[in-house]
Amino acid sequence: MEIELFYMSYSQRRHDKWFPDWIYYDMPVDEVRKLINAIDDHRTEFHSLPFISKRLRELVGIIEPTVKDYHELKQANSELKQANNELKQQIKDIQELLNNLVKNLNASNK
């Protein structure tokens, strides 16, 4: 429900009990943890990134991600991809050698 503040007088707009500075929500800890992890992993879309306090992270049990950790993980990921590609190439080479060996054995048996 939206309230038109222009229709209210100054004293009504300044009434703290009607418009508190802080609004408290009741949420299960699992949902908060999932939301914080999604924000940290850049899987959510916000116009402006929400502020997550250190105290909230401590209460939920999530450590604050650091840029260094992110870059280290990204580098490790690229190294693993490169190693995976090298292993795939080696497997292809071995398969070609085995195919050539089978062809040579079949040709010599005839």
PDB file of N, CA and C in Angstrom:
ATOM      1  N   MET A   1       0.845  -1.168   0.000  1.00  0.00           N
ATOM      2  CA  MET A   1       0.000   0.000   0.000  1.00  0.00           C
ATOM      3  C   MET A   1       0.897   1.239   0.000  1.00  0.00           C
ATOM      4  N   GLU A   2       0.651   2.134  -0.922  1.00  0.00           N
ATOM      5  CA  GLU A   2       1.425   3.359  -1.011  1.00  0.00           C
ATOM      6  C   GLU A   2       0.674   4.495  -0.330  1.00  0.00           C
ATOM      7  N   ILE A   3       1.409   5.365   0.274  1.00  0.00           N
ATOM      8  CA  ILE A   3       0.821   6.512   0.964  1.00  0.00           C
ATOM      9  C   ILE A   3       1.313   7.769   0.269  1.00  0.00           C
ATOM     10  N   GLU A   4       0.395   8.617  -0.129  1.00  0.00           N
ATOM     11  CA  GLU A   4       0.764   9.880  -0.757  1.00  0.00           C
ATOM     12  C   GLU A   4       1.208  10.857   0.326  1.00  0.00           C
ATOM     13  N   LEU A   5       2.494  11.100   0.392  1.00  0.00           N
ATOM     14  CA  LEU A   5       3.021  11.995   1.415  1.00  0.00           C
ATOM     15  C   LEU A   5       2.654  13.449   1.142  1.00  0.00           C
ATOM     16  N   PHE A   6       2.329  13.765  -0.113  1.00  0.00           N
ATOM     17  CA  PHE A   6       1.982  15.148  -0.444  1.00  0.00           C
ATOM     18  C   PHE A   6       0.635  15.560   0.153  1.00  0.00           C
ATOM     19  N   TYR A   7      -0.221  14.589   0.419  1.00  0.00           N
ATOM     20  CA  TYR A   7      -1.532  14.899   0.984  1.00  0.00           C
ATOM     21  C   TYR A   7      -1.490  15.067   2.499  1.00  0.00           C
ATOM     22  N   MET A   8      -0.354  14.822   3.099  1.00  0.00           N
ATOM     23  CA  MET A   8      -0.245  14.911   4.554  1.00  0.00           C
ATOM     24  C   MET A   8       0.396  16.230   4.950  1.00  0.00           C
ATOM     25  N   SER A   9       0.059  16.637   6.137  1.00  0.00           N
ATOM     26  CA  SER A   9       0.683  17.852   6.659  1.00  0.00           C
ATOM     27  C   SER A   9       2.094  17.524   7.143  1.00  0.00           C
ATOM     28  N   TYR A  10       2.860  18.557   7.417  1.00  0.00           N
ATOM     29  CA  TYR A  10       4.240  18.375   7.852  1.00  0.00           C
ATOM     30  C   TYR A  10       4.307  17.556   9.137  1.00  0.00           C
ATOM     31  N   SER A  11       3.438  17.834  10.078  1.00  0.00           N
ATOM     32  CA  SER A  11       3.472  17.111  11.356  1.00  0.00           C
ATOM     33  C   SER A  11       3.090  15.647  11.167  1.00  0.00           C
ATOM     34  N   GLN A  12       2.225  15.362  10.210  1.00  0.00           N
ATOM     35  CA  GLN A  12       1.867  13.967   9.956  1.00  0.00           C
ATOM     36  C   GLN A  12       3.028  13.209   9.301  1.00  0.00           C
ATOM     37  N   ARG A  13       3.721  13.859   8.399  1.00  0.00           N
ATOM     38  CA  ARG A  13       4.850  13.203   7.732  1.00  0.00           C
ATOM     39  C   ARG A  13       5.993  12.933   8.705  1.00  0.00           C
ATOM     40  N   ARG A  14       6.140  13.765   9.718  1.00  0.00           N
ATOM     41  CA  ARG A  14       7.228  13.624  10.676  1.00  0.00           C
ATOM     42  C   ARG A  14       6.878  12.691  11.836  1.00  0.00           C
ATOM     43  N   HIS A  15       5.738  12.056  11.793  1.00  0.00           N
ATOM     44  CA  HIS A  15       5.303  11.168  12.868  1.00  0.00           C
ATOM     45  C   HIS A  15       6.122   9.872  12.794  1.00  0.00           C
ATOM     46  N   ASP A  16       7.016   9.671  13.769  1.00  0.00           N
ATOM     47  CA  ASP A  16       7.958   8.553  13.731  1.00  0.00           C
ATOM     48  C   ASP A  16       7.293   7.190  13.848  1.00  0.00           C
ATOM     49  N   LYS A  17       6.203   7.101  14.553  1.00  0.00           N
ATOM     50  CA  LYS A  17       5.549   5.806  14.706  1.00  0.00           C
ATOM     51  C   LYS A  17       4.867   5.376  13.411  1.00  0.00           C
ATOM     52  N   TRP A  18       4.474   6.318  12.600  1.00  0.00           N
ATOM     53  CA  TRP A  18       3.840   5.986  11.328  1.00  0.00           C
ATOM     54  C   TRP A  18       4.868   5.583  10.281  1.00  0.00           C
ATOM     55  N   PHE A  19       6.008   6.267  10.281  1.00  0.00           N
ATOM     56  CA  PHE A  19       7.054   6.024   9.295  1.00  0.00           C
ATOM     57  C   PHE A  19       8.391   5.824  10.013  1.00  0.00           C
ATOM     58  N   PRO A  20       8.653   4.631  10.498  1.00  0.00           N
ATOM     59  CA  PRO A  20       9.906   4.415  11.236  1.00  0.00           C
ATOM     60  C   PRO A  20      11.119   4.451  10.304  1.00  0.00           C
ATOM     61  N   ASP A  21      12.273   4.760  10.902  1.00  0.00           N
ATOM     62  CA  ASP A  21      13.512   4.773  10.129  1.00  0.00           C
ATOM     63  C   ASP A  21      13.959   3.362   9.762  1.00  0.00           C
ATOM     64  N   TRP A  22      13.684   2.417  10.629  1.00  0.00           N
ATOM     65  CA  TRP A  22      14.064   1.034  10.401  1.00  0.00           C
ATOM     66  C   TRP A  22      12.814   0.181  10.315  1.00  0.00           C
ATOM     67  N   ILE A  23      12.794  -0.719   9.359  1.00  0.00           N
ATOM     68  CA  ILE A  23      11.692  -1.670   9.238  1.00  0.00           C
ATOM     69  C   ILE A  23      12.289  -3.056   9.447  1.00  0.00           C
ATOM     70  N   TYR A  24      11.739  -3.807  10.365  1.00  0.00           N
ATOM     71  CA  TYR A  24      12.260  -5.121  10.696  1.00  0.00           C
ATOM     72  C   TYR A  24      11.433  -6.194  10.002  1.00  0.00           C
ATOM     73  N   TYR A  25      12.125  -7.210   9.483  1.00  0.00           N
ATOM     74  CA  TYR A  25      11.474  -8.317   8.806  1.00  0.00           C
ATOM     75  C   TYR A  25      11.786  -9.600   9.554  1.00  0.00           C
ATOM     76  N   ASP A  26      10.860 -10.512   9.487  1.00  0.00           N
ATOM     77  CA  ASP A  26      11.037 -11.837  10.051  1.00  0.00           C
ATOM     78  C   ASP A  26      11.346 -12.786   8.897  1.00  0.00           C
ATOM     79  N   MET A  27      12.574 -13.319   8.857  1.00  0.00           N
ATOM     80  CA  MET A  27      12.976 -14.235   7.788  1.00  0.00           C
ATOM     81  C   MET A  27      13.730 -15.406   8.382  1.00  0.00           C
ATOM     82  N   PRO A  28      13.514 -16.599   7.832  1.00  0.00           N
ATOM     83  CA  PRO A  28      14.307 -17.745   8.285  1.00  0.00           C
ATOM     84  C   PRO A  28      15.787 -17.563   7.930  1.00  0.00           C
ATOM     85  N   VAL A  29      16.642 -18.080   8.763  1.00  0.00           N
ATOM     86  CA  VAL A  29      18.087 -17.915   8.582  1.00  0.00           C
ATOM     87  C   VAL A  29      18.551 -18.571   7.283  1.00  0.00           C
ATOM     88  N   ASP A  30      17.947 -19.704   6.906  1.00  0.00           N
ATOM     89  CA  ASP A  30      18.348 -20.379   5.670  1.00  0.00           C
ATOM     90  C   ASP A  30      18.126 -19.490   4.454  1.00  0.00           C
ATOM     91  N   GLU A  31      17.001 -18.786   4.422  1.00  0.00           N
ATOM     92  CA  GLU A  31      16.713 -17.900   3.292  1.00  0.00           C
ATOM     93  C   GLU A  31      17.675 -16.715   3.265  1.00  0.00           C
ATOM     94  N   VAL A  32      18.007 -16.191   4.437  1.00  0.00           N
ATOM     95  CA  VAL A  32      18.966 -15.079   4.509  1.00  0.00           C
ATOM     96  C   VAL A  32      20.327 -15.550   4.009  1.00  0.00           C
ATOM     97  N   ARG A  33      20.732 -16.740   4.421  1.00  0.00           N
ATOM     98  CA  ARG A  33      22.021 -17.297   3.999  1.00  0.00           C
ATOM     99  C   ARG A  33      22.046 -17.492   2.478  1.00  0.00           C
ATOM    100  N   LYS A  34      20.955 -18.029   1.912  1.00  0.00           N
ATOM    101  CA  LYS A  34      20.888 -18.225   0.458  1.00  0.00           C
ATOM    102  C   LYS A  34      20.957 -16.893  -0.275  1.00  0.00           C
ATOM    103  N   LEU A  35      20.255 -15.888   0.237  1.00  0.00           N
ATOM    104  CA  LEU A  35      20.249 -14.579  -0.413  1.00  0.00           C
ATOM    105  C   LEU A  35      21.639 -13.939  -0.364  1.00  0.00           C
ATOM    106  N   ILE A  36      22.298 -14.016   0.783  1.00  0.00           N
ATOM    107  CA  ILE A  36      23.641 -13.433   0.905  1.00  0.00           C
ATOM    108  C   ILE A  36      24.620 -14.155  -0.022  1.00  0.00           C
ATOM    109  N   ASN A  37      24.536 -15.479  -0.091  1.00  0.00           N
ATOM    110  CA  ASN A  37      25.419 -16.228  -0.997  1.00  0.00           C
ATOM    111  C   ASN A  37      25.142 -15.873  -2.452  1.00  0.00           C
ATOM    112  N   ALA A  38      23.871 -15.690  -2.803  1.00  0.00           N
ATOM    113  CA  ALA A  38      23.523 -15.310  -4.177  1.00  0.00           C
ATOM    114  C   ALA A  38      24.064 -13.920  -4.504  1.00  0.00           C
ATOM    115  N   ILE A  39      23.998 -13.014  -3.544  1.00  0.00           N
ATOM    116  CA  ILE A  39      24.534 -11.663  -3.760  1.00  0.00           C
ATOM    117  C   ILE A  39      26.050 -11.719  -3.917  1.00  0.00           C
ATOM    118  N   ASP A  40      26.715 -12.510  -3.081  1.00  0.00           N
ATOM    119  CA  ASP A  40      28.175 -12.624  -3.154  1.00  0.00           C
ATOM    120  C   ASP A  40      28.631 -13.271  -4.465  1.00  0.00           C
ATOM    121  N   ASP A  41      27.847 -14.211  -4.993  1.00  0.00           N
ATOM    122  CA  ASP A  41      28.213 -14.914  -6.226  1.00  0.00           C
ATOM    123  C   ASP A  41      27.704 -14.213  -7.476  1.00  0.00           C
ATOM    124  N   HIS A  42      27.142 -13.020  -7.311  1.00  0.00           N
ATOM    125  CA  HIS A  42      26.633 -12.209  -8.425  1.00  0.00           C
ATOM    126  C   HIS A  42      25.554 -12.947  -9.209  1.00  0.00           C
ATOM    127  N   ARG A  43      24.675 -13.672  -8.512  1.00  0.00           N
ATOM    128  CA  ARG A  43      23.571 -14.362  -9.165  1.00  0.00           C
ATOM    129  C   ARG A  43      22.254 -13.615  -9.003  1.00  0.00           C
ATOM    130  N   THR A  44      22.297 -12.403  -8.505  1.00  0.00           N
ATOM    131  CA  THR A  44      21.094 -11.596  -8.336  1.00  0.00           C
ATOM    132  C   THR A  44      21.263 -10.286  -9.080  1.00  0.00           C
ATOM    133  N   GLU A  45      20.140  -9.665  -9.389  1.00  0.00           N
ATOM    134  CA  GLU A  45      20.178  -8.386 -10.084  1.00  0.00           C
ATOM    135  C   GLU A  45      19.516  -7.329  -9.208  1.00  0.00           C
ATOM    136  N   PHE A  46      20.279  -6.337  -8.846  1.00  0.00           N
ATOM    137  CA  PHE A  46      19.783  -5.202  -8.080  1.00  0.00           C
ATOM    138  C   PHE A  46      20.209  -3.929  -8.794  1.00  0.00           C
ATOM    139  N   HIS A  47      19.399  -2.883  -8.660  1.00  0.00           N
ATOM    140  CA  HIS A  47      19.788  -1.595  -9.224  1.00  0.00           C
ATOM    141  C   HIS A  47      20.992  -1.044  -8.465  1.00  0.00           C
ATOM    142  N   SER A  48      20.975  -1.208  -7.164  1.00  0.00           N
ATOM    143  CA  SER A  48      22.136  -0.856  -6.347  1.00  0.00           C
ATOM    144  C   SER A  48      22.381  -2.019  -5.391  1.00  0.00           C
ATOM    145  N   LEU A  49      23.628  -2.357  -5.210  1.00  0.00           N
ATOM    146  CA  LEU A  49      23.987  -3.505  -4.395  1.00  0.00           C
ATOM    147  C   LEU A  49      23.567  -3.283  -2.943  1.00  0.00           C
ATOM    148  N   PRO A  50      22.862  -4.239  -2.334  1.00  0.00           N
ATOM    149  CA  PRO A  50      22.428  -4.056  -0.947  1.00  0.00           C
ATOM    150  C   PRO A  50      23.605  -4.115   0.025  1.00  0.00           C
ATOM    151  N   PHE A  51      23.449  -3.410   1.133  1.00  0.00           N
ATOM    152  CA  PHE A  51      24.475  -3.391   2.166  1.00  0.00           C
ATOM    153  C   PHE A  51      24.242  -4.569   3.102  1.00  0.00           C
ATOM    154  N   ILE A  52      25.269  -5.378   3.301  1.00  0.00           N
ATOM    155  CA  ILE A  52      25.196  -6.509   4.223  1.00  0.00           C
ATOM    156  C   ILE A  52      26.234  -6.259   5.304  1.00  0.00           C
ATOM    157  N   SER A  53      25.771  -6.042   6.515  1.00  0.00           N
ATOM    158  CA  SER A  53      26.686  -5.681   7.600  1.00  0.00           C
ATOM    159  C   SER A  53      27.508  -6.891   8.056  1.00  0.00           C
ATOM    160  N   LYS A  54      28.632  -6.597   8.684  1.00  0.00           N
ATOM    161  CA  LYS A  54      29.484  -7.656   9.223  1.00  0.00           C
ATOM    162  C   LYS A  54      28.762  -8.413  10.329  1.00  0.00           C
ATOM    163  N   ARG A  55      27.965  -7.698  11.082  1.00  0.00           N
ATOM    164  CA  ARG A  55      27.217  -8.323  12.186  1.00  0.00           C
ATOM    165  C   ARG A  55      26.224  -9.358  11.647  1.00  0.00           C
ATOM    166  N   LEU A  56      25.535  -9.019  10.554  1.00  0.00           N
ATOM    167  CA  LEU A  56      24.597  -9.967   9.949  1.00  0.00           C
ATOM    168  C   LEU A  56      25.345 -11.188   9.427  1.00  0.00           C
ATOM    169  N   ARG A  57      26.506 -10.962   8.808  1.00  0.00           N
ATOM    170  CA  ARG A  57      27.294 -12.093   8.318  1.00  0.00           C
ATOM    171  C   ARG A  57      27.742 -12.992   9.474  1.00  0.00           C
ATOM    172  N   GLU A  58      28.104 -12.394  10.602  1.00  0.00           N
ATOM    173  CA  GLU A  58      28.503 -13.183  11.770  1.00  0.00           C
ATOM    174  C   GLU A  58      27.325 -13.979  12.311  1.00  0.00           C
ATOM    175  N   LEU A  59      26.148 -13.357  12.370  1.00  0.00           N
ATOM    176  CA  LEU A  59      24.971 -14.050  12.888  1.00  0.00           C
ATOM    177  C   LEU A  59      24.575 -15.231  12.005  1.00  0.00           C
ATOM    178  N   VAL A  60      24.680 -15.044  10.702  1.00  0.00           N
ATOM    179  CA  VAL A  60      24.284 -16.092   9.767  1.00  0.00           C
ATOM    180  C   VAL A  60      25.392 -17.124   9.601  1.00  0.00           C
ATOM    181  N   GLY A  61      26.627 -16.734   9.862  1.00  0.00           N
ATOM    182  CA  GLY A  61      27.752 -17.664   9.761  1.00  0.00           C
ATOM    183  C   GLY A  61      28.390 -17.683   8.391  1.00  0.00           C
ATOM    184  N   ILE A  62      28.402 -16.534   7.710  1.00  0.00           N
ATOM    185  CA  ILE A  62      29.018 -16.423   6.389  1.00  0.00           C
ATOM    186  C   ILE A  62      30.162 -15.425   6.492  1.00  0.00           C
ATOM    187  N   ILE A  63      31.321 -15.836   6.004  1.00  0.00           N
ATOM    188  CA  ILE A  63      32.445 -14.906   6.016  1.00  0.00           C
ATOM    189  C   ILE A  63      32.328 -13.962   4.827  1.00  0.00           C
ATOM    190  N   GLU A  64      32.905 -12.797   4.972  1.00  0.00           N
ATOM    191  CA  GLU A  64      32.843 -11.797   3.908  1.00  0.00           C
ATOM    192  C   GLU A  64      33.833 -12.166   2.806  1.00  0.00           C
ATOM    193  N   PRO A  65      33.348 -12.216   1.562  1.00  0.00           N
ATOM    194  CA  PRO A  65      34.272 -12.578   0.479  1.00  0.00           C
ATOM    195  C   PRO A  65      35.266 -11.454   0.221  1.00  0.00           C
ATOM    196  N   THR A  66      36.453 -11.843  -0.136  1.00  0.00           N
ATOM    197  CA  THR A  66      37.466 -10.841  -0.446  1.00  0.00           C
ATOM    198  C   THR A  66      37.784 -10.904  -1.932  1.00  0.00           C
ATOM    199  N   VAL A  67      38.254  -9.813  -2.448  1.00  0.00           N
ATOM    200  CA  VAL A  67      38.594  -9.741  -3.866  1.00  0.00           C
ATOM    201  C   VAL A  67      39.755 -10.679  -4.166  1.00  0.00           C
ATOM    202  N   LYS A  68      40.673 -10.809  -3.217  1.00  0.00           N
ATOM    203  CA  LYS A  68      41.829 -11.678  -3.405  1.00  0.00           C
ATOM    204  C   LYS A  68      41.372 -13.128  -3.582  1.00  0.00           C
ATOM    205  N   ASP A  69      40.458 -13.576  -2.735  1.00  0.00           N
ATOM    206  CA  ASP A  69      39.947 -14.938  -2.849  1.00  0.00           C
ATOM    207  C   ASP A  69      39.278 -15.149  -4.199  1.00  0.00           C
ATOM    208  N   TYR A  70      38.525 -14.158  -4.646  1.00  0.00           N
ATOM    209  CA  TYR A  70      37.824 -14.262  -5.923  1.00  0.00           C
ATOM    210  C   TYR A  70      38.818 -14.417  -7.067  1.00  0.00           C
ATOM    211  N   HIS A  71      39.876 -13.614  -7.063  1.00  0.00           N
ATOM    212  CA  HIS A  71      40.874 -13.692  -8.131  1.00  0.00           C
ATOM    213  C   HIS A  71      41.646 -15.011  -8.074  1.00  0.00           C
ATOM    214  N   GLU A  72      41.935 -15.486  -6.864  1.00  0.00           N
ATOM    215  CA  GLU A  72      42.623 -16.767  -6.732  1.00  0.00           C
ATOM    216  C   GLU A  72      41.761 -17.898  -7.274  1.00  0.00           C
ATOM    217  N   LEU A  73      40.476 -17.868  -6.949  1.00  0.00           N
ATOM    218  CA  LEU A  73      39.574 -18.901  -7.447  1.00  0.00           C
ATOM    219  C   LEU A  73      39.435 -18.830  -8.965  1.00  0.00           C
ATOM    220  N   LYS A  74      39.373 -17.627  -9.490  1.00  0.00           N
ATOM    221  CA  LYS A  74      39.254 -17.462 -10.936  1.00  0.00           C
ATOM    222  C   LYS A  74      40.505 -17.995 -11.634  1.00  0.00           C
ATOM    223  N   GLN A  75      41.681 -17.719 -11.077  1.00  0.00           N
ATOM    224  CA  GLN A  75      42.931 -18.204 -11.656  1.00  0.00           C
ATOM    225  C   GLN A  75      42.996 -19.731 -11.571  1.00  0.00           C
ATOM    226  N   ALA A  76      42.612 -20.288 -10.436  1.00  0.00           N
ATOM    227  CA  ALA A  76      42.622 -21.743 -10.283  1.00  0.00           C
ATOM    228  C   ALA A  76      41.654 -22.386 -11.270  1.00  0.00           C
ATOM    229  N   ASN A  77      40.511 -21.745 -11.483  1.00  0.00           N
ATOM    230  CA  ASN A  77      39.531 -22.263 -12.429  1.00  0.00           C
ATOM    231  C   ASN A  77      40.097 -22.280 -13.845  1.00  0.00           C
ATOM    232  N   SER A  78      40.772 -21.208 -14.235  1.00  0.00           N
ATOM    233  CA  SER A  78      41.350 -21.171 -15.583  1.00  0.00           C
ATOM    234  C   SER A  78      42.464 -22.205 -15.733  1.00  0.00           C
ATOM    235  N   GLU A  79      43.264 -22.419 -14.684  1.00  0.00           N
ATOM    236  CA  GLU A  79      44.311 -23.438 -14.738  1.00  0.00           C
ATOM    237  C   GLU A  79      43.715 -24.832 -14.872  1.00  0.00           C
ATOM    238  N   LEU A  80      42.626 -25.086 -14.152  1.00  0.00           N
ATOM    239  CA  LEU A  80      41.976 -26.393 -14.250  1.00  0.00           C
ATOM    240  C   LEU A  80      41.371 -26.608 -15.635  1.00  0.00           C
ATOM    241  N   LYS A  81      40.808 -25.558 -16.213  1.00  0.00           N
ATOM    242  CA  LYS A  81      40.260 -25.679 -17.568  1.00  0.00           C
ATOM    243  C   LYS A  81      41.365 -25.990 -18.568  1.00  0.00           C
ATOM    244  N   GLN A  82      42.511 -25.328 -18.413  1.00  0.00           N
ATOM    245  CA  GLN A  82      43.639 -25.568 -19.306  1.00  0.00           C
ATOM    246  C   GLN A  82      44.138 -27.008 -19.158  1.00  0.00           C
ATOM    247  N   ALA A  83      44.256 -27.487 -17.924  1.00  0.00           N
ATOM    248  CA  ALA A  83      44.701 -28.864 -17.692  1.00  0.00           C
ATOM    249  C   ALA A  83      43.694 -29.853 -18.274  1.00  0.00           C
ATOM    250  N   ASN A  84      42.411 -29.541 -18.158  1.00  0.00           N
ATOM    251  CA  ASN A  84      41.367 -30.399 -18.709  1.00  0.00           C
ATOM    252  C   ASN A  84      41.485 -30.476 -20.230  1.00  0.00           C
ATOM    253  N   ASN A  85      41.721 -29.343 -20.873  1.00  0.00           N
ATOM    254  CA  ASN A  85      41.879 -29.330 -22.331  1.00  0.00           C
ATOM    255  C   ASN A  85      43.108 -30.126 -22.763  1.00  0.00           C
ATOM    256  N   GLU A  86      44.202 -30.014 -22.005  1.00  0.00           N
ATOM    257  CA  GLU A  86      45.409 -30.780 -22.319  1.00  0.00           C
ATOM    258  C   GLU A  86      45.154 -32.281 -22.196  1.00  0.00           C
ATOM    259  N   LEU A  87      44.431 -32.686 -21.150  1.00  0.00           N
ATOM    260  CA  LEU A  87      44.118 -34.108 -20.973  1.00  0.00           C
ATOM    261  C   LEU A  87      43.219 -34.614 -22.100  1.00  0.00           C
ATOM    262  N   LYS A  88      42.263 -33.800 -22.526  1.00  0.00           N
ATOM    263  CA  LYS A  88      41.400 -34.199 -23.644  1.00  0.00           C
ATOM    264  C   LYS A  88      42.221 -34.403 -24.909  1.00  0.00           C
ATOM    265  N   GLN A  89      43.181 -33.521 -25.156  1.00  0.00           N
ATOM    266  CA  GLN A  89      44.039 -33.647 -26.334  1.00  0.00           C
ATOM    267  C   GLN A  89      44.891 -34.908 -26.242  1.00  0.00           C
ATOM    268  N   GLN A  90      45.410 -35.215 -25.068  1.00  0.00           N
ATOM    269  CA  GLN A  90      46.207 -36.428 -24.893  1.00  0.00           C
ATOM    270  C   GLN A  90      45.357 -37.673 -25.135  1.00  0.00           C
ATOM    271  N   ILE A  91      44.118 -37.658 -24.673  1.00  0.00           N
ATOM    272  CA  ILE A  91      43.220 -38.797 -24.889  1.00  0.00           C
ATOM    273  C   ILE A  91      42.959 -38.984 -26.380  1.00  0.00           C
ATOM    274  N   LYS A  92      42.750 -37.884 -27.104  1.00  0.00           N
ATOM    275  CA  LYS A  92      42.539 -37.978 -28.556  1.00  0.00           C
ATOM    276  C   LYS A  92      43.767 -38.559 -29.243  1.00  0.00           C
ATOM    277  N   ASP A  93      44.952 -38.116 -28.833  1.00  0.00           N
ATOM    278  CA  ASP A  93      46.189 -38.631 -29.425  1.00  0.00           C
ATOM    279  C   ASP A  93      46.340 -40.130 -29.167  1.00  0.00           C
ATOM    280  N   ILE A  94      46.039 -40.567 -27.961  1.00  0.00           N
ATOM    281  CA  ILE A  94      46.135 -41.991 -27.616  1.00  0.00           C
ATOM    282  C   ILE A  94      45.129 -42.796 -28.421  1.00  0.00           C
ATOM    283  N   GLN A  95      43.914 -42.269 -28.598  1.00  0.00           N
ATOM    284  CA  GLN A  95      42.910 -42.971 -29.392  1.00  0.00           C
ATOM    285  C   GLN A  95      43.358 -43.111 -30.845  1.00  0.00           C
ATOM    286  N   GLU A  96      43.955 -42.067 -31.396  1.00  0.00           N
ATOM    287  CA  GLU A  96      44.457 -42.143 -32.772  1.00  0.00           C
ATOM    288  C   GLU A  96      45.567 -43.184 -32.891  1.00  0.00           C
ATOM    289  N   LEU A  97      46.461 -43.216 -31.917  1.00  0.00           N
ATOM    290  CA  LEU A  97      47.533 -44.217 -31.938  1.00  0.00           C
ATOM    291  C   LEU A  97      46.974 -45.633 -31.851  1.00  0.00           C
ATOM    292  N   LEU A  98      45.986 -45.832 -30.993  1.00  0.00           N
ATOM    293  CA  LEU A  98      45.375 -47.159 -30.875  1.00  0.00           C
ATOM    294  C   LEU A  98      44.663 -47.545 -32.162  1.00  0.00           C
ATOM    295  N   ASN A  99      43.966 -46.609 -32.781  1.00  0.00           N
ATOM    296  CA  ASN A  99      43.285 -46.900 -34.042  1.00  0.00           C
ATOM    297  C   ASN A  99      44.290 -47.271 -35.128  1.00  0.00           C
ATOM    298  N   ASN A 100      45.394 -46.536 -35.202  1.00  0.00           N
ATOM    299  CA  ASN A 100      46.444 -46.858 -36.180  1.00  0.00           C
ATOM    300  C   ASN A 100      47.060 -48.229 -35.904  1.00  0.00           C
ATOM    301  N   LEU A 101      47.257 -48.551 -34.630  1.00  0.00           N
ATOM    302  CA  LEU A 101      47.812 -49.848 -34.260  1.00  0.00           C
ATOM    303  C   LEU A 101      46.875 -50.971 -34.672  1.00  0.00           C
ATOM    304  N   VAL A 102      45.590 -50.800 -34.437  1.00  0.00           N
ATOM    305  CA  VAL A 102      44.606 -51.820 -34.814  1.00  0.00           C
ATOM    306  C   VAL A 102      44.579 -51.985 -36.329  1.00  0.00           C
ATOM    307  N   LYS A 103      44.626 -50.895 -37.074  1.00  0.00           N
ATOM    308  CA  LYS A 103      44.634 -50.971 -38.539  1.00  0.00           C
ATOM    309  C   LYS A 103      45.879 -51.698 -39.040  1.00  0.00           C
ATOM    310  N   ASN A 104      47.022 -51.401 -38.458  1.00  0.00           N
ATOM    311  CA  ASN A 104      48.270 -52.060 -38.861  1.00  0.00           C
ATOM    312  C   ASN A 104      48.243 -53.552 -38.545  1.00  0.00           C
ATOM    313  N   LEU A 105      47.675 -53.919 -37.385  1.00  0.00           N
ATOM    314  CA  LEU A 105      47.574 -55.335 -37.027  1.00  0.00           C
ATOM    315  C   LEU A 105      46.621 -56.057 -37.967  1.00  0.00           C
ATOM    316  N   ASN A 106      45.514 -55.432 -38.312  1.00  0.00           N
ATOM    317  CA  ASN A 106      44.556 -56.045 -39.229  1.00  0.00           C
ATOM    318  C   ASN A 106      45.159 -56.199 -40.623  1.00  0.00           C
ATOM    319  N   ALA A 107      45.939 -55.217 -41.047  1.00  0.00           N
ATOM    320  CA  ALA A 107      46.560 -55.280 -42.369  1.00  0.00           C
ATOM    321  C   ALA A 107      47.646 -56.355 -42.413  1.00  0.00           C
ATOM    322  N   SER A 108      48.380 -56.534 -41.333  1.00  0.00           N
ATOM    323  CA  SER A 108      49.452 -57.536 -41.314  1.00  0.00           C
ATOM    324  C   SER A 108      48.894 -58.953 -41.192  1.00  0.00           C
ATOM    325  N   ASN A 109      47.709 -59.129 -40.614  1.00  0.00           N
ATOM    326  CA  ASN A 109      47.094 -60.447 -40.462  1.00  0.00           C
ATOM    327  C   ASN A 109      46.479 -60.927 -41.771  1.00  0.00           C
ATOM    328  N   LYS A 110      46.220 -60.074 -42.706  1.00  0.00           N
ATOM    329  CA  LYS A 110      45.591 -60.479 -43.965  1.00  0.00           C
ATOM    330  C   LYS A 110      46.548 -61.025 -44.911  1.00  0.00           C
TER     331      LYS A 110
END
